[in-house]
Amino acid sequence: HAAMAGRTDMVVGRRRHRFVHVPIPYVTHRPHHVSPDGDLWLSVLESTAQPFDMR
């Protein structure tokens, strides 16, 4: 809906269980890392139907 409203240079994220618009420079100003043993990576594997053990 953000794009239809003319919003640019932003991504949609979640904060405190709500969807929010986040400016791209805020997201990309420093490197972010995802732990391969964490819940976030597990949810990526589950949602994309990738195998849990890729070794």
N, C-alpha and C. Protein backbone atom coordinates (compact mmCIF):
# COMPACT_ATOMS: atom_id res chain seq x y z
N HIS A 1 0.80 -1.19 0.00
CA HIS A 1 0.00 0.00 0.00
C HIS A 1 0.85 1.26 0.00
N ALA A 2 2.06 1.16 0.52
CA ALA A 2 2.93 2.34 0.59
C ALA A 2 3.27 2.84 -0.81
N ALA A 3 3.59 1.91 -1.72
CA ALA A 3 3.93 2.32 -3.08
C ALA A 3 2.74 2.97 -3.77
N MET A 4 1.56 2.45 -3.54
CA MET A 4 0.36 3.04 -4.14
C MET A 4 0.08 4.43 -3.59
N ALA A 5 0.58 4.71 -2.39
CA ALA A 5 0.41 6.03 -1.78
C ALA A 5 1.52 6.99 -2.21
N GLY A 6 2.44 6.52 -3.08
CA GLY A 6 3.50 7.38 -3.57
C GLY A 6 4.74 7.42 -2.70
N ARG A 7 4.82 6.55 -1.73
CA ARG A 7 6.00 6.54 -0.86
C ARG A 7 7.15 5.84 -1.58
N THR A 8 8.33 6.45 -1.50
CA THR A 8 9.52 5.88 -2.12
C THR A 8 10.66 5.91 -1.11
N ASP A 9 11.77 5.28 -1.45
CA ASP A 9 12.96 5.25 -0.60
C ASP A 9 12.67 4.72 0.80
N MET A 10 11.86 3.68 0.88
CA MET A 10 11.54 3.09 2.17
C MET A 10 11.25 1.61 2.00
N VAL A 11 11.36 0.88 3.09
CA VAL A 11 10.98 -0.53 3.12
C VAL A 11 9.95 -0.71 4.23
N VAL A 12 9.25 -1.81 4.18
CA VAL A 12 8.28 -2.10 5.23
C VAL A 12 8.92 -3.07 6.21
N GLY A 13 8.81 -2.76 7.48
CA GLY A 13 9.35 -3.61 8.53
C GLY A 13 8.34 -3.79 9.63
N ARG A 14 8.72 -4.55 10.65
CA ARG A 14 7.84 -4.74 11.81
C ARG A 14 8.52 -4.21 13.05
N ARG A 15 7.77 -3.50 13.84
CA ARG A 15 8.26 -2.96 15.11
C ARG A 15 7.14 -3.08 16.12
N ARG A 16 7.40 -3.79 17.21
CA ARG A 16 6.40 -3.99 18.26
C ARG A 16 5.09 -4.55 17.71
N HIS A 17 5.21 -5.55 16.85
CA HIS A 17 4.06 -6.27 16.28
C HIS A 17 3.22 -5.41 15.34
N ARG A 18 3.78 -4.33 14.81
CA ARG A 18 3.06 -3.49 13.84
C ARG A 18 3.94 -3.28 12.63
N PHE A 19 3.32 -3.16 11.46
CA PHE A 19 4.07 -2.86 10.25
C PHE A 19 4.36 -1.36 10.20
N VAL A 20 5.61 -1.02 9.86
CA VAL A 20 6.03 0.38 9.82
C VAL A 20 6.82 0.63 8.54
N HIS A 21 6.88 1.90 8.13
CA HIS A 21 7.69 2.31 6.99
C HIS A 21 9.04 2.76 7.52
N VAL A 22 10.11 2.18 6.99
CA VAL A 22 11.47 2.48 7.45
C VAL A 22 12.26 3.07 6.29
N PRO A 23 12.86 4.25 6.45
CA PRO A 23 13.67 4.82 5.37
C PRO A 23 14.85 3.91 5.03
N ILE A 24 15.14 3.74 3.74
CA ILE A 24 16.23 2.87 3.31
C ILE A 24 17.57 3.28 3.92
N PRO A 25 17.92 4.58 3.98
CA PRO A 25 19.21 4.93 4.61
C PRO A 25 19.32 4.46 6.06
N TYR A 26 18.22 4.41 6.78
CA TYR A 26 18.24 3.93 8.16
C TYR A 26 18.59 2.45 8.22
N VAL A 27 18.10 1.70 7.24
CA VAL A 27 18.32 0.25 7.21
C VAL A 27 19.74 -0.08 6.74
N THR A 28 20.29 0.71 5.83
CA THR A 28 21.57 0.37 5.19
C THR A 28 22.76 1.14 5.73
N HIS A 29 22.62 1.89 6.81
CA HIS A 29 23.73 2.71 7.28
C HIS A 29 24.85 1.90 7.92
N ARG A 30 24.60 0.66 8.30
CA ARG A 30 25.66 -0.19 8.84
C ARG A 30 25.32 -1.64 8.51
N PRO A 31 26.33 -2.50 8.50
CA PRO A 31 26.06 -3.92 8.19
C PRO A 31 25.21 -4.58 9.27
N HIS A 32 24.38 -5.48 8.83
CA HIS A 32 23.56 -6.28 9.74
C HIS A 32 23.90 -7.74 9.53
N HIS A 33 23.88 -8.52 10.57
CA HIS A 33 24.22 -9.93 10.49
C HIS A 33 23.08 -10.77 11.05
N VAL A 34 22.89 -11.92 10.44
CA VAL A 34 21.88 -12.87 10.91
C VAL A 34 22.60 -14.11 11.39
N SER A 35 22.33 -14.51 12.61
CA SER A 35 22.95 -15.71 13.16
C SER A 35 22.36 -16.95 12.50
N PRO A 36 23.20 -17.83 11.97
CA PRO A 36 22.66 -19.05 11.35
C PRO A 36 22.03 -20.00 12.37
N ASP A 37 22.23 -19.73 13.65
CA ASP A 37 21.63 -20.56 14.69
C ASP A 37 20.42 -19.90 15.35
N GLY A 38 20.03 -18.73 14.86
CA GLY A 38 18.97 -17.98 15.51
C GLY A 38 17.58 -18.24 14.95
N ASP A 39 16.60 -17.69 15.63
CA ASP A 39 15.19 -17.86 15.24
C ASP A 39 14.88 -17.18 13.91
N LEU A 40 15.52 -16.04 13.63
CA LEU A 40 15.25 -15.34 12.37
C LEU A 40 15.64 -16.20 11.18
N TRP A 41 16.83 -16.79 11.22
CA TRP A 41 17.28 -17.64 10.11
C TRP A 41 16.40 -18.88 9.99
N LEU A 42 15.99 -19.45 11.11
CA LEU A 42 15.10 -20.60 11.09
C LEU A 42 13.78 -20.24 10.40
N SER A 43 13.25 -19.06 10.66
CA SER A 43 12.00 -18.65 10.02
C SER A 43 12.19 -18.43 8.52
N VAL A 44 13.38 -17.98 8.10
CA VAL A 44 13.67 -17.84 6.67
C VAL A 44 13.66 -19.21 6.01
N LEU A 45 14.35 -20.17 6.62
CA LEU A 45 14.39 -21.52 6.06
C LEU A 45 13.00 -22.13 5.99
N GLU A 46 12.20 -21.95 7.01
CA GLU A 46 10.85 -22.51 7.02
C GLU A 46 9.97 -21.87 5.96
N SER A 47 10.04 -20.56 5.82
CA SER A 47 9.15 -19.87 4.88
C SER A 47 9.55 -20.08 3.42
N THR A 48 10.82 -20.43 3.17
CA THR A 48 11.27 -20.66 1.80
C THR A 48 11.40 -22.14 1.47
N ALA A 49 11.05 -23.00 2.42
CA ALA A 49 11.09 -24.46 2.25
C ALA A 49 12.48 -24.97 1.90
N GLN A 50 13.51 -24.33 2.44
CA GLN A 50 14.88 -24.78 2.24
C GLN A 50 15.22 -25.81 3.31
N PRO A 51 16.17 -26.70 2.99
CA PRO A 51 16.57 -27.69 4.00
C PRO A 51 17.27 -27.01 5.18
N PHE A 52 17.08 -27.55 6.37
CA PHE A 52 17.69 -26.97 7.56
C PHE A 52 19.20 -27.19 7.58
N ASP A 53 19.66 -28.31 7.03
CA ASP A 53 21.08 -28.61 7.00
C ASP A 53 21.57 -28.51 5.57
N MET A 54 22.27 -27.43 5.25
CA MET A 54 22.71 -27.20 3.87
C MET A 54 24.18 -27.58 3.68
N ARG A 55 24.73 -28.36 4.59
CA ARG A 55 26.14 -28.74 4.49
C ARG A 55 26.32 -29.95 3.64
